[in-house]
Amino acid sequence: MLHATHELAAWHTLLSRRGDARRIRGWAYNVDMTQAVRIAVYVQPRASKSAVAGLHDGYIKIRLAAPPVDGAANQALIEFVAARLGIAKSRVKLVSGASSRRKTLEIEGVEEAQVRAKLS
């Protein structure tokens, strides 16, 4: 039992040093990071420049300068959306459509209104 108490004291010390429980895996979660928004996008690769181009059949149309070779367009899409929203690339995930022009992205830690405002 002494070992368990010592371990708990070590966790408490670690928490007080960092000052943020969210950084310790399994300890606590930031509510904002658990929220995710899914968006449907239509990608046009090999465009002259990367940009949002309105809507296409109910999908957000995004033109990408990258070619659709070896996942380059998918990576460019993730980088473009992350930069546009001002978030880390790791918070944008390709859920479906890896080899299709119609794709679904999941974006963590943002509100739907923020996504609409930045991708319109």
PDB file of N, CA and C in Angstrom:
ATOM      1  N   MET A   1       0.806  -1.189   0.000  1.00  0.00           N
ATOM      2  CA  MET A   1       0.000   0.000   0.000  1.00  0.00           C
ATOM      3  C   MET A   1       0.859   1.267   0.000  1.00  0.00           C
ATOM      4  N   LEU A   2       2.009   1.177   0.609  1.00  0.00           N
ATOM      5  CA  LEU A   2       2.910   2.321   0.634  1.00  0.00           C
ATOM      6  C   LEU A   2       3.340   2.711  -0.775  1.00  0.00           C
ATOM      7  N   HIS A   3       3.532   1.691  -1.633  1.00  0.00           N
ATOM      8  CA  HIS A   3       3.949   1.954  -3.014  1.00  0.00           C
ATOM      9  C   HIS A   3       2.880   2.747  -3.768  1.00  0.00           C
ATOM     10  N   ALA A   4       1.608   2.383  -3.606  1.00  0.00           N
ATOM     11  CA  ALA A   4       0.517   3.074  -4.294  1.00  0.00           C
ATOM     12  C   ALA A   4       0.410   4.520  -3.830  1.00  0.00           C
ATOM     13  N   THR A   5       0.602   4.779  -2.557  1.00  0.00           N
ATOM     14  CA  THR A   5       0.546   6.137  -2.033  1.00  0.00           C
ATOM     15  C   THR A   5       1.694   6.968  -2.584  1.00  0.00           C
ATOM     16  N   HIS A   6       2.869   6.366  -2.661  1.00  0.00           N
ATOM     17  CA  HIS A   6       4.028   7.062  -3.216  1.00  0.00           C
ATOM     18  C   HIS A   6       3.793   7.406  -4.696  1.00  0.00           C
ATOM     19  N   GLU A   7       3.183   6.469  -5.440  1.00  0.00           N
ATOM     20  CA  GLU A   7       2.896   6.704  -6.852  1.00  0.00           C
ATOM     21  C   GLU A   7       1.892   7.841  -7.029  1.00  0.00           C
ATOM     22  N   LEU A   8       0.877   7.883  -6.174  1.00  0.00           N
ATOM     23  CA  LEU A   8      -0.112   8.953  -6.227  1.00  0.00           C
ATOM     24  C   LEU A   8       0.545  10.305  -5.946  1.00  0.00           C
ATOM     25  N   ALA A   9       1.458  10.344  -5.000  1.00  0.00           N
ATOM     26  CA  ALA A   9       2.170  11.585  -4.694  1.00  0.00           C
ATOM     27  C   ALA A   9       3.014  12.030  -5.888  1.00  0.00           C
ATOM     28  N   ALA A  10       3.598  11.063  -6.602  1.00  0.00           N
ATOM     29  CA  ALA A  10       4.381  11.396  -7.790  1.00  0.00           C
ATOM     30  C   ALA A  10       3.500  12.009  -8.870  1.00  0.00           C
ATOM     31  N   TRP A  11       2.283  11.466  -9.070  1.00  0.00           N
ATOM     32  CA  TRP A  11       1.346  12.035 -10.035  1.00  0.00           C
ATOM     33  C   TRP A  11       0.977  13.455  -9.639  1.00  0.00           C
ATOM     34  N   HIS A  12       0.732  13.664  -8.329  1.00  0.00           N
ATOM     35  CA  HIS A  12       0.362  14.990  -7.855  1.00  0.00           C
ATOM     36  C   HIS A  12       1.499  15.989  -8.120  1.00  0.00           C
ATOM     37  N   THR A  13       2.721  15.554  -7.890  1.00  0.00           N
ATOM     38  CA  THR A  13       3.873  16.413  -8.143  1.00  0.00           C
ATOM     39  C   THR A  13       3.981  16.743  -9.626  1.00  0.00           C
ATOM     40  N   LEU A  14       3.778  15.745 -10.474  1.00  0.00           N
ATOM     41  CA  LEU A  14       3.849  15.955 -11.912  1.00  0.00           C
ATOM     42  C   LEU A  14       2.774  16.936 -12.361  1.00  0.00           C
ATOM     43  N   LEU A  15       1.562  16.775 -11.824  1.00  0.00           N
ATOM     44  CA  LEU A  15       0.482  17.690 -12.179  1.00  0.00           C
ATOM     45  C   LEU A  15       0.787  19.115 -11.739  1.00  0.00           C
ATOM     46  N   SER A  16       1.300  19.269 -10.537  1.00  0.00           N
ATOM     47  CA  SER A  16       1.555  20.624 -10.058  1.00  0.00           C
ATOM     48  C   SER A  16       2.711  21.270 -10.817  1.00  0.00           C
ATOM     49  N   ARG A  17       3.667  20.481 -11.281  1.00  0.00           N
ATOM     50  CA  ARG A  17       4.769  21.043 -12.071  1.00  0.00           C
ATOM     51  C   ARG A  17       4.280  21.537 -13.417  1.00  0.00           C
ATOM     52  N   ARG A  18       3.476  20.717 -14.079  1.00  0.00           N
ATOM     53  CA  ARG A  18       2.987  21.099 -15.404  1.00  0.00           C
ATOM     54  C   ARG A  18       1.865  22.115 -15.315  1.00  0.00           C
ATOM     55  N   GLY A  19       1.057  22.015 -14.281  1.00  0.00           N
ATOM     56  CA  GLY A  19      -0.037  22.956 -14.114  1.00  0.00           C
ATOM     57  C   GLY A  19      -1.209  22.710 -15.033  1.00  0.00           C
ATOM     58  N   ASP A  20      -1.216  21.579 -15.738  1.00  0.00           N
ATOM     59  CA  ASP A  20      -2.286  21.330 -16.693  1.00  0.00           C
ATOM     60  C   ASP A  20      -2.539  19.833 -16.774  1.00  0.00           C
ATOM     61  N   ALA A  21      -3.645  19.384 -16.229  1.00  0.00           N
ATOM     62  CA  ALA A  21      -3.962  17.956 -16.185  1.00  0.00           C
ATOM     63  C   ALA A  21      -4.243  17.385 -17.571  1.00  0.00           C
ATOM     64  N   ARG A  22      -4.580  18.224 -18.534  1.00  0.00           N
ATOM     65  CA  ARG A  22      -4.922  17.721 -19.861  1.00  0.00           C
ATOM     66  C   ARG A  22      -3.738  17.093 -20.572  1.00  0.00           C
ATOM     67  N   ARG A  23      -2.535  17.385 -20.153  1.00  0.00           N
ATOM     68  CA  ARG A  23      -1.359  16.858 -20.823  1.00  0.00           C
ATOM     69  C   ARG A  23      -1.032  15.434 -20.401  1.00  0.00           C
ATOM     70  N   ILE A  24      -1.647  14.942 -19.353  1.00  0.00           N
ATOM     71  CA  ILE A  24      -1.352  13.604 -18.865  1.00  0.00           C
ATOM     72  C   ILE A  24      -2.401  12.655 -19.398  1.00  0.00           C
ATOM     73  N   ARG A  25      -1.968  11.676 -20.137  1.00  0.00           N
ATOM     74  CA  ARG A  25      -2.860  10.749 -20.820  1.00  0.00           C
ATOM     75  C   ARG A  25      -3.729   9.999 -19.815  1.00  0.00           C
ATOM     76  N   GLY A  26      -5.035  10.002 -20.080  1.00  0.00           N
ATOM     77  CA  GLY A  26      -5.959   9.268 -19.241  1.00  0.00           C
ATOM     78  C   GLY A  26      -6.348   9.971 -17.959  1.00  0.00           C
ATOM     79  N   TRP A  27      -5.797  11.141 -17.697  1.00  0.00           N
ATOM     80  CA  TRP A  27      -6.083  11.817 -16.430  1.00  0.00           C
ATOM     81  C   TRP A  27      -7.305  12.717 -16.550  1.00  0.00           C
ATOM     82  N   ALA A  28      -7.314  13.592 -17.511  1.00  0.00           N
ATOM     83  CA  ALA A  28      -8.439  14.498 -17.723  1.00  0.00           C
ATOM     84  C   ALA A  28      -8.457  14.894 -19.187  1.00  0.00           C
ATOM     85  N   TYR A  29      -9.590  15.362 -19.636  1.00  0.00           N
ATOM     86  CA  TYR A  29      -9.722  15.710 -21.047  1.00  0.00           C
ATOM     87  C   TYR A  29     -10.212  17.131 -21.191  1.00  0.00           C
ATOM     88  N   ASN A  30      -9.726  17.800 -22.176  1.00  0.00           N
ATOM     89  CA  ASN A  30     -10.208  19.122 -22.540  1.00  0.00           C
ATOM     90  C   ASN A  30     -11.494  18.929 -23.335  1.00  0.00           C
ATOM     91  N   VAL A  31     -12.579  19.498 -22.872  1.00  0.00           N
ATOM     92  CA  VAL A  31     -13.874  19.296 -23.512  1.00  0.00           C
ATOM     93  C   VAL A  31     -13.865  19.770 -24.960  1.00  0.00           C
ATOM     94  N   ASP A  32     -13.164  20.859 -25.247  1.00  0.00           N
ATOM     95  CA  ASP A  32     -13.126  21.389 -26.605  1.00  0.00           C
ATOM     96  C   ASP A  32     -12.475  20.418 -27.581  1.00  0.00           C
ATOM     97  N   MET A  33     -11.493  19.643 -27.132  1.00  0.00           N
ATOM     98  CA  MET A  33     -10.794  18.727 -28.023  1.00  0.00           C
ATOM     99  C   MET A  33     -11.622  17.484 -28.344  1.00  0.00           C
ATOM    100  N   THR A  34     -12.638  17.174 -27.533  1.00  0.00           N
ATOM    101  CA  THR A  34     -13.436  15.985 -27.794  1.00  0.00           C
ATOM    102  C   THR A  34     -14.510  16.257 -28.837  1.00  0.00           C
ATOM    103  N   GLN A  35     -14.775  17.501 -29.148  1.00  0.00           N
ATOM    104  CA  GLN A  35     -15.760  17.833 -30.159  1.00  0.00           C
ATOM    105  C   GLN A  35     -15.131  17.705 -31.534  1.00  0.00           C
ATOM    106  N   ALA A  36     -15.890  17.160 -32.460  1.00  0.00           N
ATOM    107  CA  ALA A  36     -15.386  17.028 -33.822  1.00  0.00           C
ATOM    108  C   ALA A  36     -16.497  17.396 -34.800  1.00  0.00           C
ATOM    109  N   VAL A  37     -16.092  17.999 -35.891  1.00  0.00           N
ATOM    110  CA  VAL A  37     -17.017  18.381 -36.952  1.00  0.00           C
ATOM    111  C   VAL A  37     -16.616  17.608 -38.196  1.00  0.00           C
ATOM    112  N   ARG A  38     -17.589  17.014 -38.870  1.00  0.00           N
ATOM    113  CA  ARG A  38     -17.325  16.330 -40.140  1.00  0.00           C
ATOM    114  C   ARG A  38     -17.851  17.183 -41.274  1.00  0.00           C
ATOM    115  N   ILE A  39     -17.023  17.317 -42.307  1.00  0.00           N
ATOM    116  CA  ILE A  39     -17.442  18.083 -43.481  1.00  0.00           C
ATOM    117  C   ILE A  39     -17.231  17.235 -44.726  1.00  0.00           C
ATOM    118  N   ALA A  40     -18.090  17.454 -45.705  1.00  0.00           N
ATOM    119  CA  ALA A  40     -17.987  16.767 -46.992  1.00  0.00           C
ATOM    120  C   ALA A  40     -17.371  17.738 -47.986  1.00  0.00           C
ATOM    121  N   VAL A  41     -16.294  17.312 -48.636  1.00  0.00           N
ATOM    122  CA  VAL A  41     -15.610  18.175 -49.592  1.00  0.00           C
ATOM    123  C   VAL A  41     -15.497  17.481 -50.946  1.00  0.00           C
ATOM    124  N   TYR A  42     -15.480  18.295 -51.979  1.00  0.00           N
ATOM    125  CA  TYR A  42     -15.233  17.832 -53.340  1.00  0.00           C
ATOM    126  C   TYR A  42     -13.908  18.455 -53.757  1.00  0.00           C
ATOM    127  N   VAL A  43     -12.941  17.621 -54.113  1.00  0.00           N
ATOM    128  CA  VAL A  43     -11.585  18.093 -54.399  1.00  0.00           C
ATOM    129  C   VAL A  43     -11.322  18.112 -55.895  1.00  0.00           C
ATOM    130  N   GLN A  44     -10.756  19.215 -56.358  1.00  0.00           N
ATOM    131  CA  GLN A  44     -10.299  19.332 -57.741  1.00  0.00           C
ATOM    132  C   GLN A  44      -8.779  19.458 -57.701  1.00  0.00           C
ATOM    133  N   PRO A  45      -8.064  18.343 -57.945  1.00  0.00           N
ATOM    134  CA  PRO A  45      -6.601  18.405 -57.920  1.00  0.00           C
ATOM    135  C   PRO A  45      -6.036  19.066 -59.175  1.00  0.00           C
ATOM    136  N   ARG A  46      -4.756  19.381 -59.125  1.00  0.00           N
ATOM    137  CA  ARG A  46      -4.018  20.012 -60.229  1.00  0.00           C
ATOM    138  C   ARG A  46      -4.621  21.338 -60.670  1.00  0.00           C
ATOM    139  N   ALA A  47      -5.124  22.114 -59.732  1.00  0.00           N
ATOM    140  CA  ALA A  47      -5.628  23.451 -60.044  1.00  0.00           C
ATOM    141  C   ALA A  47      -4.438  24.411 -60.099  1.00  0.00           C
ATOM    142  N   SER A  48      -4.660  25.600 -60.611  1.00  0.00           N
ATOM    143  CA  SER A  48      -3.559  26.564 -60.691  1.00  0.00           C
ATOM    144  C   SER A  48      -3.121  27.031 -59.305  1.00  0.00           C
ATOM    145  N   LYS A  49      -4.070  27.102 -58.352  1.00  0.00           N
ATOM    146  CA  LYS A  49      -3.732  27.431 -56.965  1.00  0.00           C
ATOM    147  C   LYS A  49      -4.769  26.810 -56.042  1.00  0.00           C
ATOM    148  N   SER A  50      -4.379  26.601 -54.791  1.00  0.00           N
ATOM    149  CA  SER A  50      -5.287  26.016 -53.805  1.00  0.00           C
ATOM    150  C   SER A  50      -6.221  27.094 -53.263  1.00  0.00           C
ATOM    151  N   ALA A  51      -7.536  26.786 -53.280  1.00  0.00           N
ATOM    152  CA  ALA A  51      -8.529  27.746 -52.816  1.00  0.00           C
ATOM    153  C   ALA A  51      -9.867  27.053 -52.622  1.00  0.00           C
ATOM    154  N   VAL A  52     -10.717  27.666 -51.803  1.00  0.00           N
ATOM    155  CA  VAL A  52     -12.101  27.211 -51.665  1.00  0.00           C
ATOM    156  C   VAL A  52     -12.870  27.805 -52.832  1.00  0.00           C
ATOM    157  N   ALA A  53     -13.670  26.960 -53.507  1.00  0.00           N
ATOM    158  CA  ALA A  53     -14.347  27.411 -54.726  1.00  0.00           C
ATOM    159  C   ALA A  53     -15.860  27.283 -54.631  1.00  0.00           C
ATOM    160  N   GLY A  54     -16.431  27.466 -53.450  1.00  0.00           N
ATOM    161  CA  GLY A  54     -17.881  27.418 -53.303  1.00  0.00           C
ATOM    162  C   GLY A  54     -18.398  26.019 -53.054  1.00  0.00           C
ATOM    163  N   LEU A  55     -19.581  25.732 -53.621  1.00  0.00           N
ATOM    164  CA  LEU A  55     -20.220  24.429 -53.438  1.00  0.00           C
ATOM    165  C   LEU A  55     -20.325  23.677 -54.754  1.00  0.00           C
ATOM    166  N   HIS A  56     -20.319  22.342 -54.658  1.00  0.00           N
ATOM    167  CA  HIS A  56     -20.478  21.471 -55.819  1.00  0.00           C
ATOM    168  C   HIS A  56     -21.332  20.282 -55.375  1.00  0.00           C
ATOM    169  N   ASP A  57     -22.580  20.237 -55.809  1.00  0.00           N
ATOM    170  CA  ASP A  57     -23.525  19.167 -55.434  1.00  0.00           C
ATOM    171  C   ASP A  57     -23.641  18.994 -53.920  1.00  0.00           C
ATOM    172  N   GLY A  58     -23.647  20.089 -53.172  1.00  0.00           N
ATOM    173  CA  GLY A  58     -23.783  20.022 -51.726  1.00  0.00           C
ATOM    174  C   GLY A  58     -22.482  19.814 -50.975  1.00  0.00           C
ATOM    175  N   TYR A  59     -21.375  19.666 -51.680  1.00  0.00           N
ATOM    176  CA  TYR A  59     -20.053  19.505 -51.070  1.00  0.00           C
ATOM    177  C   TYR A  59     -19.317  20.839 -51.132  1.00  0.00           C
ATOM    178  N   ILE A  60     -18.435  21.084 -50.170  1.00  0.00           N
ATOM    179  CA  ILE A  60     -17.560  22.252 -50.241  1.00  0.00           C
ATOM    180  C   ILE A  60     -16.493  21.928 -51.285  1.00  0.00           C
ATOM    181  N   LYS A  61     -16.407  22.739 -52.329  1.00  0.00           N
ATOM    182  CA  LYS A  61     -15.429  22.488 -53.382  1.00  0.00           C
ATOM    183  C   LYS A  61     -14.114  23.169 -53.041  1.00  0.00           C
ATOM    184  N   ILE A  62     -13.047  22.358 -53.052  1.00  0.00           N
ATOM    185  CA  ILE A  62     -11.714  22.878 -52.763  1.00  0.00           C
ATOM    186  C   ILE A  62     -10.800  22.527 -53.928  1.00  0.00           C
ATOM    187  N   ARG A  63     -10.209  23.552 -54.527  1.00  0.00           N
ATOM    188  CA  ARG A  63      -9.232  23.351 -55.591  1.00  0.00           C
ATOM    189  C   ARG A  63      -7.856  23.220 -54.953  1.00  0.00           C
ATOM    190  N   LEU A  64      -7.104  22.222 -55.397  1.00  0.00           N
ATOM    191  CA  LEU A  64      -5.763  21.990 -54.854  1.00  0.00           C
ATOM    192  C   LEU A  64      -4.733  21.997 -55.963  1.00  0.00           C
ATOM    193  N   ALA A  65      -3.620  22.621 -55.716  1.00  0.00           N
ATOM    194  CA  ALA A  65      -2.545  22.660 -56.704  1.00  0.00           C
ATOM    195  C   ALA A  65      -1.825  21.316 -56.797  1.00  0.00           C
ATOM    196  N   ALA A  66      -1.931  20.486 -55.790  1.00  0.00           N
ATOM    197  CA  ALA A  66      -1.226  19.200 -55.755  1.00  0.00           C
ATOM    198  C   ALA A  66      -1.855  18.192 -56.716  1.00  0.00           C
ATOM    199  N   PRO A  67      -1.034  17.313 -57.291  1.00  0.00           N
ATOM    200  CA  PRO A  67      -1.572  16.266 -58.171  1.00  0.00           C
ATOM    201  C   PRO A  67      -2.123  15.098 -57.345  1.00  0.00           C
ATOM    202  N   PRO A  68      -3.039  14.328 -57.920  1.00  0.00           N
ATOM    203  CA  PRO A  68      -3.599  13.187 -57.185  1.00  0.00           C
ATOM    204  C   PRO A  68      -2.713  11.943 -57.288  1.00  0.00           C
ATOM    205  N   VAL A  69      -1.463  12.071 -56.913  1.00  0.00           N
ATOM    206  CA  VAL A  69      -0.497  10.979 -57.036  1.00  0.00           C
ATOM    207  C   VAL A  69       0.087  10.675 -55.659  1.00  0.00           C
ATOM    208  N   ASP A  70       0.089   9.402 -55.286  1.00  0.00           N
ATOM    209  CA  ASP A  70       0.689   8.933 -54.034  1.00  0.00           C
ATOM    210  C   ASP A  70       0.186   9.690 -52.805  1.00  0.00           C
ATOM    211  N   GLY A  71      -1.081  10.073 -52.790  1.00  0.00           N
ATOM    212  CA  GLY A  71      -1.664  10.741 -51.629  1.00  0.00           C
ATOM    213  C   GLY A  71      -1.273  12.195 -51.464  1.00  0.00           C
ATOM    214  N   ALA A  72      -0.625  12.765 -52.473  1.00  0.00           N
ATOM    215  CA  ALA A  72      -0.182  14.164 -52.379  1.00  0.00           C
ATOM    216  C   ALA A  72      -1.370  15.117 -52.250  1.00  0.00           C
ATOM    217  N   ALA A  73      -2.443  14.851 -52.978  1.00  0.00           N
ATOM    218  CA  ALA A  73      -3.616  15.713 -52.905  1.00  0.00           C
ATOM    219  C   ALA A  73      -4.302  15.589 -51.541  1.00  0.00           C
ATOM    220  N   ASN A  74      -4.342  14.389 -50.985  1.00  0.00           N
ATOM    221  CA  ASN A  74      -4.942  14.203 -49.658  1.00  0.00           C
ATOM    222  C   ASN A  74      -4.141  14.964 -48.604  1.00  0.00           C
ATOM    223  N   GLN A  75      -2.829  14.867 -48.669  1.00  0.00           N
ATOM    224  CA  GLN A  75      -1.984  15.583 -47.717  1.00  0.00           C
ATOM    225  C   GLN A  75      -2.124  17.087 -47.897  1.00  0.00           C
ATOM    226  N   ALA A  76      -2.184  17.535 -49.137  1.00  0.00           N
ATOM    227  CA  ALA A  76      -2.361  18.962 -49.410  1.00  0.00           C
ATOM    228  C   ALA A  76      -3.716  19.449 -48.899  1.00  0.00           C
ATOM    229  N   LEU A  77      -4.737  18.610 -49.012  1.00  0.00           N
ATOM    230  CA  LEU A  77      -6.067  18.963 -48.509  1.00  0.00           C
ATOM    231  C   LEU A  77      -6.035  19.154 -47.000  1.00  0.00           C
ATOM    232  N   ILE A  78      -5.413  18.226 -46.287  1.00  0.00           N
ATOM    233  CA  ILE A  78      -5.315  18.326 -44.831  1.00  0.00           C
ATOM    234  C   ILE A  78      -4.546  19.587 -44.439  1.00  0.00           C
ATOM    235  N   GLU A  79      -3.430  19.838 -45.110  1.00  0.00           N
ATOM    236  CA  GLU A  79      -2.629  21.031 -44.809  1.00  0.00           C
ATOM    237  C   GLU A  79      -3.404  22.314 -45.111  1.00  0.00           C
ATOM    238  N   PHE A  80      -4.129  22.330 -46.229  1.00  0.00           N
ATOM    239  CA  PHE A  80      -4.889  23.516 -46.618  1.00  0.00           C
ATOM    240  C   PHE A  80      -5.993  23.819 -45.606  1.00  0.00           C
ATOM    241  N   VAL A  81      -6.770  22.796 -45.236  1.00  0.00           N
ATOM    242  CA  VAL A  81      -7.874  22.991 -44.292  1.00  0.00           C
ATOM    243  C   VAL A  81      -7.335  23.409 -42.924  1.00  0.00           C
ATOM    244  N   ALA A  82      -6.267  22.776 -42.468  1.00  0.00           N
ATOM    245  CA  ALA A  82      -5.679  23.133 -41.168  1.00  0.00           C
ATOM    246  C   ALA A  82      -5.179  24.578 -41.171  1.00  0.00           C
ATOM    247  N   ALA A  83      -4.509  24.976 -42.235  1.00  0.00           N
ATOM    248  CA  ALA A  83      -4.010  26.351 -42.327  1.00  0.00           C
ATOM    249  C   ALA A  83      -5.163  27.349 -42.379  1.00  0.00           C
ATOM    250  N   ARG A  84      -6.182  27.020 -43.115  1.00  0.00           N
ATOM    251  CA  ARG A  84      -7.338  27.915 -43.252  1.00  0.00           C
ATOM    252  C   ARG A  84      -8.057  28.110 -41.919  1.00  0.00           C
ATOM    253  N   LEU A  85      -8.126  27.018 -41.108  1.00  0.00           N
ATOM    254  CA  LEU A  85      -8.794  27.088 -39.811  1.00  0.00           C
ATOM    255  C   LEU A  85      -7.857  27.543 -38.692  1.00  0.00           C
ATOM    256  N   GLY A  86      -6.563  27.582 -38.972  1.00  0.00           N
ATOM    257  CA  GLY A  86      -5.605  27.995 -37.963  1.00  0.00           C
ATOM    258  C   GLY A  86      -5.388  26.960 -36.871  1.00  0.00           C
ATOM    259  N   ILE A  87      -5.411  25.675 -37.244  1.00  0.00           N
ATOM    260  CA  ILE A  87      -5.231  24.592 -36.279  1.00  0.00           C
ATOM    261  C   ILE A  87      -4.096  23.686 -36.745  1.00  0.00           C
ATOM    262  N   ALA A  88      -3.707  22.750 -35.906  1.00  0.00           N
ATOM    263  CA  ALA A  88      -2.654  21.799 -36.249  1.00  0.00           C
ATOM    264  C   ALA A  88      -3.165  20.780 -37.261  1.00  0.00           C
ATOM    265  N   LYS A  89      -2.269  20.328 -38.133  1.00  0.00           N
ATOM    266  CA  LYS A  89      -2.642  19.327 -39.137  1.00  0.00           C
ATOM    267  C   LYS A  89      -3.121  18.031 -38.498  1.00  0.00           C
ATOM    268  N   SER A  90      -2.620  17.721 -37.325  1.00  0.00           N
ATOM    269  CA  SER A  90      -2.997  16.479 -36.648  1.00  0.00           C
ATOM    270  C   SER A  90      -4.457  16.472 -36.215  1.00  0.00           C
ATOM    271  N   ARG A  91      -5.100  17.619 -36.193  1.00  0.00           N
ATOM    272  CA  ARG A  91      -6.506  17.691 -35.802  1.00  0.00           C
ATOM    273  C   ARG A  91      -7.460  17.533 -36.980  1.00  0.00           C
ATOM    274  N   VAL A  92      -6.919  17.376 -38.187  1.00  0.00           N
ATOM    275  CA  VAL A  92      -7.728  17.157 -39.388  1.00  0.00           C
ATOM    276  C   VAL A  92      -7.451  15.742 -39.887  1.00  0.00           C
ATOM    277  N   LYS A  93      -8.512  14.946 -40.011  1.00  0.00           N
ATOM    278  CA  LYS A  93      -8.352  13.556 -40.440  1.00  0.00           C
ATOM    279  C   LYS A  93      -9.234  13.270 -41.642  1.00  0.00           C
ATOM    280  N   LEU A  94      -8.706  12.506 -42.578  1.00  0.00           N
ATOM    281  CA  LEU A  94      -9.467  12.055 -43.733  1.00  0.00           C
ATOM    282  C   LEU A  94     -10.217  10.796 -43.316  1.00  0.00           C
ATOM    283  N   VAL A  95     -11.542  10.872 -43.237  1.00  0.00           N
ATOM    284  CA  VAL A  95     -12.359   9.757 -42.766  1.00  0.00           C
ATOM    285  C   VAL A  95     -12.718   8.817 -43.904  1.00  0.00           C
ATOM    286  N   SER A  96     -13.081   9.381 -45.051  1.00  0.00           N
ATOM    287  CA  SER A  96     -13.434   8.540 -46.194  1.00  0.00           C
ATOM    288  C   SER A  96     -13.122   9.272 -47.489  1.00  0.00           C
ATOM    289  N   GLY A  97     -12.980   8.482 -48.564  1.00  0.00           N
ATOM    290  CA  GLY A  97     -12.739   9.048 -49.881  1.00  0.00           C
ATOM    291  C   GLY A  97     -11.286   9.245 -50.232  1.00  0.00           C
ATOM    292  N   ALA A  98     -10.413   8.403 -49.724  1.00  0.00           N
ATOM    293  CA  ALA A  98      -8.978   8.571 -49.976  1.00  0.00           C
ATOM    294  C   ALA A  98      -8.643   8.561 -51.465  1.00  0.00           C
ATOM    295  N   SER A  99      -9.363   7.792 -52.270  1.00  0.00           N
ATOM    296  CA  SER A  99      -9.072   7.721 -53.700  1.00  0.00           C
ATOM    297  C   SER A  99     -10.204   8.312 -54.546  1.00  0.00           C
ATOM    298  N   SER A 100     -11.023   9.136 -53.943  1.00  0.00           N
ATOM    299  CA  SER A 100     -12.161   9.738 -54.627  1.00  0.00           C
ATOM    300  C   SER A 100     -12.060  11.254 -54.556  1.00  0.00           C
ATOM    301  N   ARG A 101     -12.786  11.922 -55.414  1.00  0.00           N
ATOM    302  CA  ARG A 101     -12.837  13.384 -55.332  1.00  0.00           C
ATOM    303  C   ARG A 101     -13.756  13.833 -54.203  1.00  0.00           C
ATOM    304  N   ARG A 102     -14.733  12.993 -53.864  1.00  0.00           N
ATOM    305  CA  ARG A 102     -15.649  13.301 -52.753  1.00  0.00           C
ATOM    306  C   ARG A 102     -15.070  12.695 -51.478  1.00  0.00           C
ATOM    307  N   LYS A 103     -14.783  13.554 -50.512  1.00  0.00           N
ATOM    308  CA  LYS A 103     -14.108  13.122 -49.291  1.00  0.00           C
ATOM    309  C   LYS A 103     -14.861  13.628 -48.065  1.00  0.00           C
ATOM    310  N   THR A 104     -14.657  12.943 -46.950  1.00  0.00           N
ATOM    311  CA  THR A 104     -15.187  13.377 -45.671  1.00  0.00           C
ATOM    312  C   THR A 104     -14.014  13.619 -44.740  1.00  0.00           C
ATOM    313  N   LEU A 105     -13.972  14.811 -44.160  1.00  0.00           N
ATOM    314  CA  LEU A 105     -12.930  15.181 -43.214  1.00  0.00           C
ATOM    315  C   LEU A 105     -13.539  15.318 -41.825  1.00  0.00           C
ATOM    316  N   GLU A 106     -12.781  14.908 -40.815  1.00  0.00           N
ATOM    317  CA  GLU A 106     -13.177  15.119 -39.431  1.00  0.00           C
ATOM    318  C   GLU A 106     -12.185  16.092 -38.815  1.00  0.00           C
ATOM    319  N   ILE A 107     -12.717  17.153 -38.235  1.00  0.00           N
ATOM    320  CA  ILE A 107     -11.880  18.211 -37.671  1.00  0.00           C
ATOM    321  C   ILE A 107     -12.172  18.292 -36.181  1.00  0.00           C
ATOM    322  N   GLU A 108     -11.147  18.096 -35.371  1.00  0.00           N
ATOM    323  CA  GLU A 108     -11.304  18.089 -33.921  1.00  0.00           C
ATOM    324  C   GLU A 108     -11.043  19.458 -33.320  1.00  0.00           C
ATOM    325  N   GLY A 109     -11.818  19.766 -32.281  1.00  0.00           N
ATOM    326  CA  GLY A 109     -11.556  20.959 -31.488  1.00  0.00           C
ATOM    327  C   GLY A 109     -12.031  22.264 -32.074  1.00  0.00           C
ATOM    328  N   VAL A 110     -12.949  22.211 -33.029  1.00  0.00           N
ATOM    329  CA  VAL A 110     -13.491  23.446 -33.606  1.00  0.00           C
ATOM    330  C   VAL A 110     -15.007  23.372 -33.599  1.00  0.00           C
ATOM    331  N   GLU A 111     -15.626  24.507 -33.639  1.00  0.00           N
ATOM    332  CA  GLU A 111     -17.082  24.592 -33.702  1.00  0.00           C
ATOM    333  C   GLU A 111     -17.516  24.608 -35.173  1.00  0.00           C
ATOM    334  N   GLU A 112     -18.715  24.143 -35.410  1.00  0.00           N
ATOM    335  CA  GLU A 112     -19.239  24.100 -36.779  1.00  0.00           C
ATOM    336  C   GLU A 112     -19.316  25.499 -37.389  1.00  0.00           C
ATOM    337  N   ALA A 113     -19.698  26.476 -36.598  1.00  0.00           N
ATOM    338  CA  ALA A 113     -19.795  27.853 -37.102  1.00  0.00           C
ATOM    339  C   ALA A 113     -18.428  28.380 -37.545  1.00  0.00           C
ATOM    340  N   GLN A 114     -17.377  28.013 -36.829  1.00  0.00           N
ATOM    341  CA  GLN A 114     -16.033  28.448 -37.192  1.00  0.00           C
ATOM    342  C   GLN A 114     -15.618  27.824 -38.527  1.00  0.00           C
ATOM    343  N   VAL A 115     -15.952  26.551 -38.717  1.00  0.00           N
ATOM    344  CA  VAL A 115     -15.620  25.866 -39.976  1.00  0.00           C
ATOM    345  C   VAL A 115     -16.364  26.516 -41.140  1.00  0.00           C
ATOM    346  N   ARG A 116     -17.636  26.787 -40.940  1.00  0.00           N
ATOM    347  CA  ARG A 116     -18.422  27.438 -42.002  1.00  0.00           C
ATOM    348  C   ARG A 116     -17.851  28.805 -42.362  1.00  0.00           C
ATOM    349  N   ALA A 117     -17.497  29.577 -41.358  1.00  0.00           N
ATOM    350  CA  ALA A 117     -16.979  30.923 -41.609  1.00  0.00           C
ATOM    351  C   ALA A 117     -15.646  30.903 -42.354  1.00  0.00           C
ATOM    352  N   LYS A 118     -14.771  29.988 -41.988  1.00  0.00           N
ATOM    353  CA  LYS A 118     -13.426  29.963 -42.577  1.00  0.00           C
ATOM    354  C   LYS A 118     -13.361  29.249 -43.927  1.00  0.00           C
ATOM    355  N   LEU A 119     -14.340  28.365 -44.198  1.00  0.00           N
ATOM    356  CA  LEU A 119     -14.306  27.618 -45.461  1.00  0.00           C
ATOM    357  C   LEU A 119     -15.416  28.066 -46.411  1.00  0.00           C
ATOM    358  N   SER A 120     -15.804  29.311 -46.308  1.00  0.00           N
ATOM    359  CA  SER A 120     -16.834  29.787 -47.241  1.00  0.00           C
ATOM    360  C   SER A 120     -16.296  30.878 -48.138  1.00  0.00           C
TER     361      SER A 120
END
